[in-house]
Amino acid sequence: MARIQLRDLCGARSGDKGDISDLSLFADDEAAYEAIVREVTAERVKAHFGELVRGEVERYEARNVLALKFVMHEALGGGAPRSLRSDNLGKTHGASLLRMEIDVPDEVAATARRRARPPRP
């Protein structure tokens, strides 16, 4: 097994409405999708964001597009007009989640398209 960041396996899109942030992870291939389905649970996403997400986190699978969607309630400090946070928009949550580390089989890590590779000699 190898430990890598989600950004090595997928891209993310995120947005917000009121005090709800939603984000989606889009895996690069089937192997990456299977790894994120297994490792990226609603509980782990909630733990990753810590106190920023005070409400429930829901996860939805969209296998046809190799995606996971997360809806995070009470995630924006009350929403843009009510929050005292300097950056309270859900658009930043996607980039933050891509930093989460997960364990994947060695062959998945070896073929991760986005993973930085050392320069060849």
PDB file of N, CA and C in Angstrom:
ATOM      1  N   MET A   1       0.835  -1.187   0.000  1.00  0.00           N
ATOM      2  CA  MET A   1       0.000   0.000   0.000  1.00  0.00           C
ATOM      3  C   MET A   1       0.878   1.248   0.000  1.00  0.00           C
ATOM      4  N   ALA A   2       0.358   2.283  -0.625  1.00  0.00           N
ATOM      5  CA  ALA A   2       1.047   3.568  -0.679  1.00  0.00           C
ATOM      6  C   ALA A   2       0.112   4.644  -0.130  1.00  0.00           C
ATOM      7  N   ARG A   3       0.698   5.657   0.479  1.00  0.00           N
ATOM      8  CA  ARG A   3      -0.093   6.781   1.000  1.00  0.00           C
ATOM      9  C   ARG A   3       0.139   7.968   0.072  1.00  0.00           C
ATOM     10  N   ILE A   4      -0.934   8.456  -0.536  1.00  0.00           N
ATOM     11  CA  ILE A   4      -0.834   9.591  -1.446  1.00  0.00           C
ATOM     12  C   ILE A   4      -1.977  10.569  -1.184  1.00  0.00           C
ATOM     13  N   GLN A   5      -1.869  11.752  -1.751  1.00  0.00           N
ATOM     14  CA  GLN A   5      -2.923  12.745  -1.607  1.00  0.00           C
ATOM     15  C   GLN A   5      -3.980  12.532  -2.690  1.00  0.00           C
ATOM     16  N   LEU A   6      -5.196  12.937  -2.376  1.00  0.00           N
ATOM     17  CA  LEU A   6      -6.280  12.827  -3.356  1.00  0.00           C
ATOM     18  C   LEU A   6      -5.954  13.564  -4.648  1.00  0.00           C
ATOM     19  N   ARG A   7      -5.214  14.655  -4.565  1.00  0.00           N
ATOM     20  CA  ARG A   7      -4.892  15.427  -5.771  1.00  0.00           C
ATOM     21  C   ARG A   7      -4.113  14.612  -6.790  1.00  0.00           C
ATOM     22  N   ASP A   8      -3.497  13.507  -6.355  1.00  0.00           N
ATOM     23  CA  ASP A   8      -2.778  12.630  -7.282  1.00  0.00           C
ATOM     24  C   ASP A   8      -3.721  11.758  -8.099  1.00  0.00           C
ATOM     25  N   LEU A   9      -4.964  11.596  -7.634  1.00  0.00           N
ATOM     26  CA  LEU A   9      -5.909  10.666  -8.256  1.00  0.00           C
ATOM     27  C   LEU A   9      -7.117  11.323  -8.892  1.00  0.00           C
ATOM     28  N   CYS A  10      -7.409  12.560  -8.527  1.00  0.00           N
ATOM     29  CA  CYS A  10      -8.663  13.141  -8.993  1.00  0.00           C
ATOM     30  C   CYS A  10      -8.625  14.667  -8.969  1.00  0.00           C
ATOM     31  N   GLY A  11      -9.633  15.229  -9.589  1.00  0.00           N
ATOM     32  CA  GLY A  11      -9.856  16.664  -9.551  1.00  0.00           C
ATOM     33  C   GLY A  11     -11.058  16.940  -8.675  1.00  0.00           C
ATOM     34  N   ALA A  12     -11.313  18.208  -8.412  1.00  0.00           N
ATOM     35  CA  ALA A  12     -12.436  18.586  -7.538  1.00  0.00           C
ATOM     36  C   ALA A  12     -13.136  19.823  -8.082  1.00  0.00           C
ATOM     37  N   ARG A  13     -14.428  19.872  -7.813  1.00  0.00           N
ATOM     38  CA  ARG A  13     -15.247  21.067  -8.069  1.00  0.00           C
ATOM     39  C   ARG A  13     -16.038  21.314  -6.798  1.00  0.00           C
ATOM     40  N   SER A  14     -16.217  22.562  -6.449  1.00  0.00           N
ATOM     41  CA  SER A  14     -16.960  22.849  -5.229  1.00  0.00           C
ATOM     42  C   SER A  14     -17.709  24.161  -5.358  1.00  0.00           C
ATOM     43  N   GLY A  15     -18.700  24.305  -4.501  1.00  0.00           N
ATOM     44  CA  GLY A  15     -19.512  25.511  -4.493  1.00  0.00           C
ATOM     45  C   GLY A  15     -20.227  25.647  -3.173  1.00  0.00           C
ATOM     46  N   ASP A  16     -21.098  26.647  -3.094  1.00  0.00           N
ATOM     47  CA  ASP A  16     -21.786  26.901  -1.836  1.00  0.00           C
ATOM     48  C   ASP A  16     -23.140  27.534  -2.087  1.00  0.00           C
ATOM     49  N   LYS A  17     -24.002  27.370  -1.116  1.00  0.00           N
ATOM     50  CA  LYS A  17     -25.317  28.011  -1.102  1.00  0.00           C
ATOM     51  C   LYS A  17     -25.705  28.156   0.354  1.00  0.00           C
ATOM     52  N   GLY A  18     -25.859  29.377   0.810  1.00  0.00           N
ATOM     53  CA  GLY A  18     -26.188  29.587   2.218  1.00  0.00           C
ATOM     54  C   GLY A  18     -25.090  29.052   3.106  1.00  0.00           C
ATOM     55  N   ASP A  19     -25.438  28.151   4.012  1.00  0.00           N
ATOM     56  CA  ASP A  19     -24.478  27.566   4.941  1.00  0.00           C
ATOM     57  C   ASP A  19     -24.112  26.131   4.539  1.00  0.00           C
ATOM     58  N   ILE A  20     -24.346  25.798   3.273  1.00  0.00           N
ATOM     59  CA  ILE A  20     -24.042  24.457   2.763  1.00  0.00           C
ATOM     60  C   ILE A  20     -22.942  24.559   1.722  1.00  0.00           C
ATOM     61  N   SER A  21     -21.947  23.704   1.874  1.00  0.00           N
ATOM     62  CA  SER A  21     -20.881  23.598   0.889  1.00  0.00           C
ATOM     63  C   SER A  21     -21.016  22.238   0.223  1.00  0.00           C
ATOM     64  N   ASP A  22     -20.897  22.225  -1.095  1.00  0.00           N
ATOM     65  CA  ASP A  22     -20.901  20.930  -1.770  1.00  0.00           C
ATOM     66  C   ASP A  22     -19.644  20.819  -2.610  1.00  0.00           C
ATOM     67  N   LEU A  23     -19.118  19.624  -2.642  1.00  0.00           N
ATOM     68  CA  LEU A  23     -17.936  19.405  -3.466  1.00  0.00           C
ATOM     69  C   LEU A  23     -17.976  18.017  -4.057  1.00  0.00           C
ATOM     70  N   SER A  24     -17.354  17.904  -5.208  1.00  0.00           N
ATOM     71  CA  SER A  24     -17.300  16.633  -5.915  1.00  0.00           C
ATOM     72  C   SER A  24     -15.863  16.313  -6.265  1.00  0.00           C
ATOM     73  N   LEU A  25     -15.530  15.042  -6.138  1.00  0.00           N
ATOM     74  CA  LEU A  25     -14.246  14.520  -6.578  1.00  0.00           C
ATOM     75  C   LEU A  25     -14.482  13.724  -7.846  1.00  0.00           C
ATOM     76  N   PHE A  26     -13.657  13.948  -8.862  1.00  0.00           N
ATOM     77  CA  PHE A  26     -13.756  13.227 -10.132  1.00  0.00           C
ATOM     78  C   PHE A  26     -12.471  12.438 -10.339  1.00  0.00           C
ATOM     79  N   ALA A  27     -12.578  11.116 -10.247  1.00  0.00           N
ATOM     80  CA  ALA A  27     -11.410  10.249 -10.377  1.00  0.00           C
ATOM     81  C   ALA A  27     -10.951  10.187 -11.831  1.00  0.00           C
ATOM     82  N   ASP A  28      -9.645   9.966 -11.998  1.00  0.00           N
ATOM     83  CA  ASP A  28      -9.068   9.900 -13.334  1.00  0.00           C
ATOM     84  C   ASP A  28      -9.373   8.599 -14.062  1.00  0.00           C
ATOM     85  N   ASP A  29      -9.584   7.517 -13.320  1.00  0.00           N
ATOM     86  CA  ASP A  29      -9.855   6.226 -13.942  1.00  0.00           C
ATOM     87  C   ASP A  29     -10.569   5.308 -12.952  1.00  0.00           C
ATOM     88  N   GLU A  30     -10.936   4.137 -13.400  1.00  0.00           N
ATOM     89  CA  GLU A  30     -11.683   3.182 -12.557  1.00  0.00           C
ATOM     90  C   GLU A  30     -10.923   2.796 -11.294  1.00  0.00           C
ATOM     91  N   ALA A  31      -9.614   2.545 -11.428  1.00  0.00           N
ATOM     92  CA  ALA A  31      -8.824   2.133 -10.263  1.00  0.00           C
ATOM     93  C   ALA A  31      -8.796   3.244  -9.214  1.00  0.00           C
ATOM     94  N   ALA A  32      -8.627   4.475  -9.667  1.00  0.00           N
ATOM     95  CA  ALA A  32      -8.636   5.605  -8.737  1.00  0.00           C
ATOM     96  C   ALA A  32     -10.015   5.747  -8.098  1.00  0.00           C
ATOM     97  N   TYR A  33     -11.068   5.545  -8.889  1.00  0.00           N
ATOM     98  CA  TYR A  33     -12.424   5.650  -8.348  1.00  0.00           C
ATOM     99  C   TYR A  33     -12.662   4.614  -7.253  1.00  0.00           C
ATOM    100  N   GLU A  34     -12.255   3.388  -7.499  1.00  0.00           N
ATOM    101  CA  GLU A  34     -12.435   2.342  -6.486  1.00  0.00           C
ATOM    102  C   GLU A  34     -11.696   2.699  -5.196  1.00  0.00           C
ATOM    103  N   ALA A  35     -10.527   3.292  -5.329  1.00  0.00           N
ATOM    104  CA  ALA A  35      -9.750   3.679  -4.147  1.00  0.00           C
ATOM    105  C   ALA A  35     -10.446   4.787  -3.377  1.00  0.00           C
ATOM    106  N   ILE A  36     -10.977   5.799  -4.071  1.00  0.00           N
ATOM    107  CA  ILE A  36     -11.613   6.893  -3.331  1.00  0.00           C
ATOM    108  C   ILE A  36     -12.955   6.467  -2.749  1.00  0.00           C
ATOM    109  N   VAL A  37     -13.668   5.566  -3.422  1.00  0.00           N
ATOM    110  CA  VAL A  37     -14.929   5.064  -2.861  1.00  0.00           C
ATOM    111  C   VAL A  37     -14.655   4.362  -1.532  1.00  0.00           C
ATOM    112  N   ARG A  38     -13.582   3.594  -1.491  1.00  0.00           N
ATOM    113  CA  ARG A  38     -13.236   2.833  -0.290  1.00  0.00           C
ATOM    114  C   ARG A  38     -12.712   3.745   0.832  1.00  0.00           C
ATOM    115  N   GLU A  39     -11.912   4.737   0.483  1.00  0.00           N
ATOM    116  CA  GLU A  39     -11.199   5.523   1.484  1.00  0.00           C
ATOM    117  C   GLU A  39     -11.856   6.841   1.890  1.00  0.00           C
ATOM    118  N   VAL A  40     -12.585   7.474   0.985  1.00  0.00           N
ATOM    119  CA  VAL A  40     -13.092   8.821   1.250  1.00  0.00           C
ATOM    120  C   VAL A  40     -14.558   8.739   1.664  1.00  0.00           C
ATOM    121  N   THR A  41     -14.759   8.510   2.933  1.00  0.00           N
ATOM    122  CA  THR A  41     -16.099   8.386   3.492  1.00  0.00           C
ATOM    123  C   THR A  41     -16.586   9.752   3.978  1.00  0.00           C
ATOM    124  N   ALA A  42     -17.870   9.846   4.230  1.00  0.00           N
ATOM    125  CA  ALA A  42     -18.430  11.081   4.783  1.00  0.00           C
ATOM    126  C   ALA A  42     -17.778  11.397   6.134  1.00  0.00           C
ATOM    127  N   GLU A  43     -17.515  10.380   6.935  1.00  0.00           N
ATOM    128  CA  GLU A  43     -16.900  10.573   8.244  1.00  0.00           C
ATOM    129  C   GLU A  43     -15.476  11.125   8.117  1.00  0.00           C
ATOM    130  N   ARG A  44     -14.723  10.593   7.161  1.00  0.00           N
ATOM    131  CA  ARG A  44     -13.352  11.083   6.972  1.00  0.00           C
ATOM    132  C   ARG A  44     -13.334  12.509   6.451  1.00  0.00           C
ATOM    133  N   VAL A  45     -14.281  12.836   5.573  1.00  0.00           N
ATOM    134  CA  VAL A  45     -14.356  14.207   5.059  1.00  0.00           C
ATOM    135  C   VAL A  45     -14.683  15.166   6.202  1.00  0.00           C
ATOM    136  N   LYS A  46     -15.643  14.805   7.036  1.00  0.00           N
ATOM    137  CA  LYS A  46     -15.997  15.651   8.180  1.00  0.00           C
ATOM    138  C   LYS A  46     -14.788  15.829   9.100  1.00  0.00           C
ATOM    139  N   ALA A  47     -14.077  14.760   9.371  1.00  0.00           N
ATOM    140  CA  ALA A  47     -12.888  14.835  10.224  1.00  0.00           C
ATOM    141  C   ALA A  47     -11.800  15.694   9.581  1.00  0.00           C
ATOM    142  N   HIS A  48     -11.647  15.604   8.271  1.00  0.00           N
ATOM    143  CA  HIS A  48     -10.636  16.385   7.555  1.00  0.00           C
ATOM    144  C   HIS A  48     -10.867  17.887   7.756  1.00  0.00           C
ATOM    145  N   PHE A  49     -12.124  18.309   7.719  1.00  0.00           N
ATOM    146  CA  PHE A  49     -12.439  19.726   7.859  1.00  0.00           C
ATOM    147  C   PHE A  49     -12.556  20.173   9.315  1.00  0.00           C
ATOM    148  N   GLY A  50     -12.619  19.224  10.237  1.00  0.00           N
ATOM    149  CA  GLY A  50     -12.639  19.557  11.659  1.00  0.00           C
ATOM    150  C   GLY A  50     -13.794  20.468  12.027  1.00  0.00           C
ATOM    151  N   GLU A  51     -13.508  21.515  12.775  1.00  0.00           N
ATOM    152  CA  GLU A  51     -14.542  22.416  13.285  1.00  0.00           C
ATOM    153  C   GLU A  51     -15.155  23.306  12.211  1.00  0.00           C
ATOM    154  N   LEU A  52     -14.595  23.328  11.018  1.00  0.00           N
ATOM    155  CA  LEU A  52     -15.181  24.135   9.946  1.00  0.00           C
ATOM    156  C   LEU A  52     -16.548  23.609   9.520  1.00  0.00           C
ATOM    157  N   VAL A  53     -16.735  22.293   9.640  1.00  0.00           N
ATOM    158  CA  VAL A  53     -18.011  21.682   9.270  1.00  0.00           C
ATOM    159  C   VAL A  53     -18.699  21.231  10.547  1.00  0.00           C
ATOM    160  N   ARG A  54     -19.736  21.951  10.934  1.00  0.00           N
ATOM    161  CA  ARG A  54     -20.422  21.667  12.196  1.00  0.00           C
ATOM    162  C   ARG A  54     -21.598  20.704  12.024  1.00  0.00           C
ATOM    163  N   GLY A  55     -22.107  20.599  10.820  1.00  0.00           N
ATOM    164  CA  GLY A  55     -23.271  19.757  10.574  1.00  0.00           C
ATOM    165  C   GLY A  55     -22.908  18.426   9.934  1.00  0.00           C
ATOM    166  N   GLU A  56     -23.930  17.785   9.418  1.00  0.00           N
ATOM    167  CA  GLU A  56     -23.802  16.475   8.789  1.00  0.00           C
ATOM    168  C   GLU A  56     -23.089  16.579   7.437  1.00  0.00           C
ATOM    169  N   VAL A  57     -22.372  15.523   7.075  1.00  0.00           N
ATOM    170  CA  VAL A  57     -21.770  15.397   5.749  1.00  0.00           C
ATOM    171  C   VAL A  57     -22.427  14.204   5.074  1.00  0.00           C
ATOM    172  N   GLU A  58     -22.978  14.436   3.892  1.00  0.00           N
ATOM    173  CA  GLU A  58     -23.611  13.369   3.108  1.00  0.00           C
ATOM    174  C   GLU A  58     -22.726  13.052   1.900  1.00  0.00           C
ATOM    175  N   ARG A  59     -22.655  11.770   1.541  1.00  0.00           N
ATOM    176  CA  ARG A  59     -21.875  11.351   0.378  1.00  0.00           C
ATOM    177  C   ARG A  59     -22.791  10.673  -0.625  1.00  0.00           C
ATOM    178  N   TYR A  60     -22.597  11.032  -1.896  1.00  0.00           N
ATOM    179  CA  TYR A  60     -23.346  10.427  -2.997  1.00  0.00           C
ATOM    180  C   TYR A  60     -22.352   9.910  -4.024  1.00  0.00           C
ATOM    181  N   GLU A  61     -22.618   8.722  -4.552  1.00  0.00           N
ATOM    182  CA  GLU A  61     -21.762   8.143  -5.583  1.00  0.00           C
ATOM    183  C   GLU A  61     -22.377   8.364  -6.951  1.00  0.00           C
ATOM    184  N   ALA A  62     -21.541   8.759  -7.901  1.00  0.00           N
ATOM    185  CA  ALA A  62     -21.952   8.912  -9.300  1.00  0.00           C
ATOM    186  C   ALA A  62     -20.963   8.114 -10.147  1.00  0.00           C
ATOM    187  N   ARG A  63     -21.131   6.794 -10.101  1.00  0.00           N
ATOM    188  CA  ARG A  63     -20.196   5.883 -10.762  1.00  0.00           C
ATOM    189  C   ARG A  63     -20.080   6.153 -12.262  1.00  0.00           C
ATOM    190  N   ASN A  64     -21.179   6.565 -12.886  1.00  0.00           N
ATOM    191  CA  ASN A  64     -21.149   6.774 -14.337  1.00  0.00           C
ATOM    192  C   ASN A  64     -20.170   7.867 -14.762  1.00  0.00           C
ATOM    193  N   VAL A  65     -19.830   8.775 -13.847  1.00  0.00           N
ATOM    194  CA  VAL A  65     -18.840   9.809 -14.157  1.00  0.00           C
ATOM    195  C   VAL A  65     -17.629   9.723 -13.208  1.00  0.00           C
ATOM    196  N   LEU A  66     -17.498   8.589 -12.531  1.00  0.00           N
ATOM    197  CA  LEU A  66     -16.383   8.323 -11.611  1.00  0.00           C
ATOM    198  C   LEU A  66     -16.249   9.431 -10.564  1.00  0.00           C
ATOM    199  N   ALA A  67     -17.377   9.790  -9.957  1.00  0.00           N
ATOM    200  CA  ALA A  67     -17.378  10.914  -9.019  1.00  0.00           C
ATOM    201  C   ALA A  67     -18.008  10.558  -7.678  1.00  0.00           C
ATOM    202  N   LEU A  68     -17.565  11.262  -6.663  1.00  0.00           N
ATOM    203  CA  LEU A  68     -18.195  11.268  -5.348  1.00  0.00           C
ATOM    204  C   LEU A  68     -18.596  12.706  -5.059  1.00  0.00           C
ATOM    205  N   LYS A  69     -19.810  12.897  -4.582  1.00  0.00           N
ATOM    206  CA  LYS A  69     -20.294  14.238  -4.219  1.00  0.00           C
ATOM    207  C   LYS A  69     -20.519  14.268  -2.718  1.00  0.00           C
ATOM    208  N   PHE A  70     -20.065  15.336  -2.085  1.00  0.00           N
ATOM    209  CA  PHE A  70     -20.238  15.528  -0.656  1.00  0.00           C
ATOM    210  C   PHE A  70     -21.018  16.814  -0.420  1.00  0.00           C
ATOM    211  N   VAL A  71     -22.042  16.722   0.423  1.00  0.00           N
ATOM    212  CA  VAL A  71     -22.820  17.885   0.817  1.00  0.00           C
ATOM    213  C   VAL A  71     -22.548  18.089   2.307  1.00  0.00           C
ATOM    214  N   MET A  72     -21.976  19.263   2.631  1.00  0.00           N
ATOM    215  CA  MET A  72     -21.560  19.551   3.998  1.00  0.00           C
ATOM    216  C   MET A  72     -22.452  20.654   4.566  1.00  0.00           C
ATOM    217  N   HIS A  73     -23.225  20.294   5.575  1.00  0.00           N
ATOM    218  CA  HIS A  73     -24.151  21.224   6.209  1.00  0.00           C
ATOM    219  C   HIS A  73     -23.446  21.997   7.324  1.00  0.00           C
ATOM    220  N   GLU A  74     -23.895  23.227   7.536  1.00  0.00           N
ATOM    221  CA  GLU A  74     -23.306  24.097   8.555  1.00  0.00           C
ATOM    222  C   GLU A  74     -21.791  24.174   8.375  1.00  0.00           C
ATOM    223  N   ALA A  75     -21.394  24.460   7.133  1.00  0.00           N
ATOM    224  CA  ALA A  75     -19.980  24.430   6.783  1.00  0.00           C
ATOM    225  C   ALA A  75     -19.391  25.798   6.470  1.00  0.00           C
ATOM    226  N   LEU A  76     -20.219  26.841   6.511  1.00  0.00           N
ATOM    227  CA  LEU A  76     -19.732  28.137   6.060  1.00  0.00           C
ATOM    228  C   LEU A  76     -19.941  29.251   7.076  1.00  0.00           C
ATOM    229  N   GLY A  77     -19.976  28.886   8.330  1.00  0.00           N
ATOM    230  CA  GLY A  77     -20.106  29.893   9.370  1.00  0.00           C
ATOM    231  C   GLY A  77     -21.383  30.701   9.279  1.00  0.00           C
ATOM    232  N   GLY A  78     -22.450  30.101   8.776  1.00  0.00           N
ATOM    233  CA  GLY A  78     -23.718  30.794   8.640  1.00  0.00           C
ATOM    234  C   GLY A  78     -23.992  31.282   7.229  1.00  0.00           C
ATOM    235  N   GLY A  79     -23.008  31.220   6.346  1.00  0.00           N
ATOM    236  CA  GLY A  79     -23.161  31.699   4.977  1.00  0.00           C
ATOM    237  C   GLY A  79     -22.495  33.051   4.791  1.00  0.00           C
ATOM    238  N   ALA A  80     -22.310  33.447   3.564  1.00  0.00           N
ATOM    239  CA  ALA A  80     -21.545  34.647   3.229  1.00  0.00           C
ATOM    240  C   ALA A  80     -21.973  35.902   3.994  1.00  0.00           C
ATOM    241  N   PRO A  81     -23.257  36.243   4.052  1.00  0.00           N
ATOM    242  CA  PRO A  81     -23.614  37.489   4.731  1.00  0.00           C
ATOM    243  C   PRO A  81     -23.528  37.434   6.254  1.00  0.00           C
ATOM    244  N   ARG A  82     -23.488  36.228   6.834  1.00  0.00           N
ATOM    245  CA  ARG A  82     -23.518  36.104   8.298  1.00  0.00           C
ATOM    246  C   ARG A  82     -22.177  35.743   8.908  1.00  0.00           C
ATOM    247  N   SER A  83     -21.273  35.215   8.114  1.00  0.00           N
ATOM    248  CA  SER A  83     -20.039  34.667   8.658  1.00  0.00           C
ATOM    249  C   SER A  83     -18.997  35.732   8.971  1.00  0.00           C
ATOM    250  N   LEU A  84     -18.208  35.466   9.985  1.00  0.00           N
ATOM    251  CA  LEU A  84     -17.081  36.329  10.329  1.00  0.00           C
ATOM    252  C   LEU A  84     -15.768  35.771   9.764  1.00  0.00           C
ATOM    253  N   ARG A  85     -15.831  34.654   9.068  1.00  0.00           N
ATOM    254  CA  ARG A  85     -14.622  34.078   8.475  1.00  0.00           C
ATOM    255  C   ARG A  85     -14.123  34.984   7.353  1.00  0.00           C
ATOM    256  N   SER A  86     -12.806  35.043   7.208  1.00  0.00           N
ATOM    257  CA  SER A  86     -12.256  35.876   6.144  1.00  0.00           C
ATOM    258  C   SER A  86     -12.498  35.250   4.773  1.00  0.00           C
ATOM    259  N   ASP A  87     -12.565  33.923   4.695  1.00  0.00           N
ATOM    260  CA  ASP A  87     -12.873  33.244   3.443  1.00  0.00           C
ATOM    261  C   ASP A  87     -13.905  32.180   3.757  1.00  0.00           C
ATOM    262  N   ASN A  88     -15.163  32.505   3.576  1.00  0.00           N
ATOM    263  CA  ASN A  88     -16.225  31.606   3.993  1.00  0.00           C
ATOM    264  C   ASN A  88     -16.912  30.932   2.826  1.00  0.00           C
ATOM    265  N   LEU A  89     -16.344  30.989   1.646  1.00  0.00           N
ATOM    266  CA  LEU A  89     -16.988  30.383   0.495  1.00  0.00           C
ATOM    267  C   LEU A  89     -16.591  28.920   0.347  1.00  0.00           C
ATOM    268  N   GLY A  90     -17.539  28.122  -0.086  1.00  0.00           N
ATOM    269  CA  GLY A  90     -17.292  26.697  -0.271  1.00  0.00           C
ATOM    270  C   GLY A  90     -16.363  26.385  -1.427  1.00  0.00           C
ATOM    271  N   LYS A  91     -16.074  27.351  -2.265  1.00  0.00           N
ATOM    272  CA  LYS A  91     -15.225  27.106  -3.422  1.00  0.00           C
ATOM    273  C   LYS A  91     -13.815  26.671  -3.028  1.00  0.00           C
ATOM    274  N   THR A  92     -13.391  27.029  -1.843  1.00  0.00           N
ATOM    275  CA  THR A  92     -12.058  26.645  -1.397  1.00  0.00           C
ATOM    276  C   THR A  92     -12.017  25.236  -0.799  1.00  0.00           C
ATOM    277  N   HIS A  93     -13.162  24.677  -0.490  1.00  0.00           N
ATOM    278  CA  HIS A  93     -13.193  23.357   0.145  1.00  0.00           C
ATOM    279  C   HIS A  93     -12.677  22.252  -0.773  1.00  0.00           C
ATOM    280  N   GLY A  94     -12.899  22.361  -2.071  1.00  0.00           N
ATOM    281  CA  GLY A  94     -12.412  21.344  -2.997  1.00  0.00           C
ATOM    282  C   GLY A  94     -10.900  21.231  -2.954  1.00  0.00           C
ATOM    283  N   ALA A  95     -10.222  22.369  -3.009  1.00  0.00           N
ATOM    284  CA  ALA A  95      -8.758  22.363  -2.956  1.00  0.00           C
ATOM    285  C   ALA A  95      -8.262  21.808  -1.631  1.00  0.00           C
ATOM    286  N   SER A  96      -8.966  22.129  -0.564  1.00  0.00           N
ATOM    287  CA  SER A  96      -8.569  21.620   0.748  1.00  0.00           C
ATOM    288  C   SER A  96      -8.708  20.095   0.822  1.00  0.00           C
ATOM    289  N   LEU A  97      -9.810  19.579   0.293  1.00  0.00           N
ATOM    290  CA  LEU A  97     -10.006  18.125   0.359  1.00  0.00           C
ATOM    291  C   LEU A  97      -8.964  17.387  -0.473  1.00  0.00           C
ATOM    292  N   LEU A  98      -8.502  17.972  -1.557  1.00  0.00           N
ATOM    293  CA  LEU A  98      -7.490  17.309  -2.384  1.00  0.00           C
ATOM    294  C   LEU A  98      -6.183  17.071  -1.631  1.00  0.00           C
ATOM    295  N   ARG A  99      -6.003  17.718  -0.503  1.00  0.00           N
ATOM    296  CA  ARG A  99      -4.797  17.504   0.312  1.00  0.00           C
ATOM    297  C   ARG A  99      -4.919  16.299   1.242  1.00  0.00           C
ATOM    298  N   MET A 100      -6.132  15.741   1.361  1.00  0.00           N
ATOM    299  CA  MET A 100      -6.327  14.563   2.215  1.00  0.00           C
ATOM    300  C   MET A 100      -5.465  13.407   1.703  1.00  0.00           C
ATOM    301  N   GLU A 101      -4.830  12.704   2.624  1.00  0.00           N
ATOM    302  CA  GLU A 101      -4.035  11.532   2.262  1.00  0.00           C
ATOM    303  C   GLU A 101      -4.856  10.273   2.462  1.00  0.00           C
ATOM    304  N   ILE A 102      -4.728   9.362   1.507  1.00  0.00           N
ATOM    305  CA  ILE A 102      -5.405   8.072   1.603  1.00  0.00           C
ATOM    306  C   ILE A 102      -4.431   6.964   1.247  1.00  0.00           C
ATOM    307  N   ASP A 103      -4.757   5.761   1.660  1.00  0.00           N
ATOM    308  CA  ASP A 103      -3.961   4.583   1.323  1.00  0.00           C
ATOM    309  C   ASP A 103      -4.555   3.929   0.092  1.00  0.00           C
ATOM    310  N   VAL A 104      -3.692   3.648  -0.881  1.00  0.00           N
ATOM    311  CA  VAL A 104      -4.126   3.001  -2.119  1.00  0.00           C
ATOM    312  C   VAL A 104      -3.166   1.862  -2.441  1.00  0.00           C
ATOM    313  N   PRO A 105      -3.627   0.888  -3.216  1.00  0.00           N
ATOM    314  CA  PRO A 105      -2.708  -0.161  -3.641  1.00  0.00           C
ATOM    315  C   PRO A 105      -1.517   0.439  -4.418  1.00  0.00           C
ATOM    316  N   ASP A 106      -0.355  -0.197  -4.303  1.00  0.00           N
ATOM    317  CA  ASP A 106       0.854   0.311  -4.957  1.00  0.00           C
ATOM    318  C   ASP A 106       0.659   0.548  -6.445  1.00  0.00           C
ATOM    319  N   GLU A 107      -0.078  -0.347  -7.105  1.00  0.00           N
ATOM    320  CA  GLU A 107      -0.268  -0.192  -8.557  1.00  0.00           C
ATOM    321  C   GLU A 107      -1.122   1.036  -8.894  1.00  0.00           C
ATOM    322  N   VAL A 108      -2.035   1.407  -8.010  1.00  0.00           N
ATOM    323  CA  VAL A 108      -2.844   2.621  -8.222  1.00  0.00           C
ATOM    324  C   VAL A 108      -1.946   3.851  -8.065  1.00  0.00           C
ATOM    325  N   ALA A 109      -1.102   3.858  -7.050  1.00  0.00           N
ATOM    326  CA  ALA A 109      -0.179   4.979  -6.853  1.00  0.00           C
ATOM    327  C   ALA A 109       0.796   5.097  -8.021  1.00  0.00           C
ATOM    328  N   ALA A 110       1.269   3.959  -8.513  1.00  0.00           N
ATOM    329  CA  ALA A 110       2.249   3.975  -9.603  1.00  0.00           C
ATOM    330  C   ALA A 110       1.673   4.524 -10.904  1.00  0.00           C
ATOM    331  N   THR A 111       0.370   4.367 -11.087  1.00  0.00           N
ATOM    332  CA  THR A 111      -0.245   4.830 -12.338  1.00  0.00           C
ATOM    333  C   THR A 111      -1.047   6.115 -12.172  1.00  0.00           C
ATOM    334  N   ALA A 112      -0.953   6.746 -11.003  1.00  0.00           N
ATOM    335  CA  ALA A 112      -1.683   7.995 -10.765  1.00  0.00           C
ATOM    336  C   ALA A 112      -1.188   9.055 -11.745  1.00  0.00           C
ATOM    337  N   ARG A 113      -2.071   9.506 -12.605  1.00  0.00           N
ATOM    338  CA  ARG A 113      -1.697  10.446 -13.674  1.00  0.00           C
ATOM    339  C   ARG A 113      -1.210  11.790 -13.173  1.00  0.00           C
ATOM    340  N   ARG A 114      -1.776  12.250 -12.088  1.00  0.00           N
ATOM    341  CA  ARG A 114      -1.458  13.591 -11.610  1.00  0.00           C
ATOM    342  C   ARG A 114      -0.279  13.638 -10.645  1.00  0.00           C
ATOM    343  N   ARG A 115       0.208  12.478 -10.271  1.00  0.00           N
ATOM    344  CA  ARG A 115       1.269  12.418  -9.277  1.00  0.00           C
ATOM    345  C   ARG A 115       2.577  12.956  -9.839  1.00  0.00           C
ATOM    346  N   ALA A 116       3.230  13.795  -9.047  1.00  0.00           N
ATOM    347  CA  ALA A 116       4.521  14.365  -9.474  1.00  0.00           C
ATOM    348  C   ALA A 116       5.536  13.232  -9.571  1.00  0.00           C
ATOM    349  N   ARG A 117       6.190  13.187 -10.678  1.00  0.00           N
ATOM    350  CA  ARG A 117       7.204  12.166 -10.889  1.00  0.00           C
ATOM    351  C   ARG A 117       8.580  12.836 -10.836  1.00  0.00           C
ATOM    352  N   PRO A 118       9.568  12.140 -10.267  1.00  0.00           N
ATOM    353  CA  PRO A 118      10.918  12.722 -10.255  1.00  0.00           C
ATOM    354  C   PRO A 118      11.436  12.829 -11.683  1.00  0.00           C
ATOM    355  N   PRO A 119      12.243  13.849 -11.970  1.00  0.00           N
ATOM    356  CA  PRO A 119      12.781  13.994 -13.325  1.00  0.00           C
ATOM    357  C   PRO A 119      13.670  12.818 -13.673  1.00  0.00           C
ATOM    358  N   ARG A 120      13.645  12.458 -14.942  1.00  0.00           N
ATOM    359  CA  ARG A 120      14.509  11.366 -15.408  1.00  0.00           C
ATOM    360  C   ARG A 120      15.930  11.854 -15.564  1.00  0.00           C
ATOM    361  N   PRO A 121      16.901  10.983 -15.256  1.00  0.00           N
ATOM    362  CA  PRO A 121      18.326  11.408 -15.381  1.00  0.00           C
ATOM    363  C   PRO A 121      18.737  11.560 -16.826  1.00  0.00           C
TER     364      PRO A 121
END
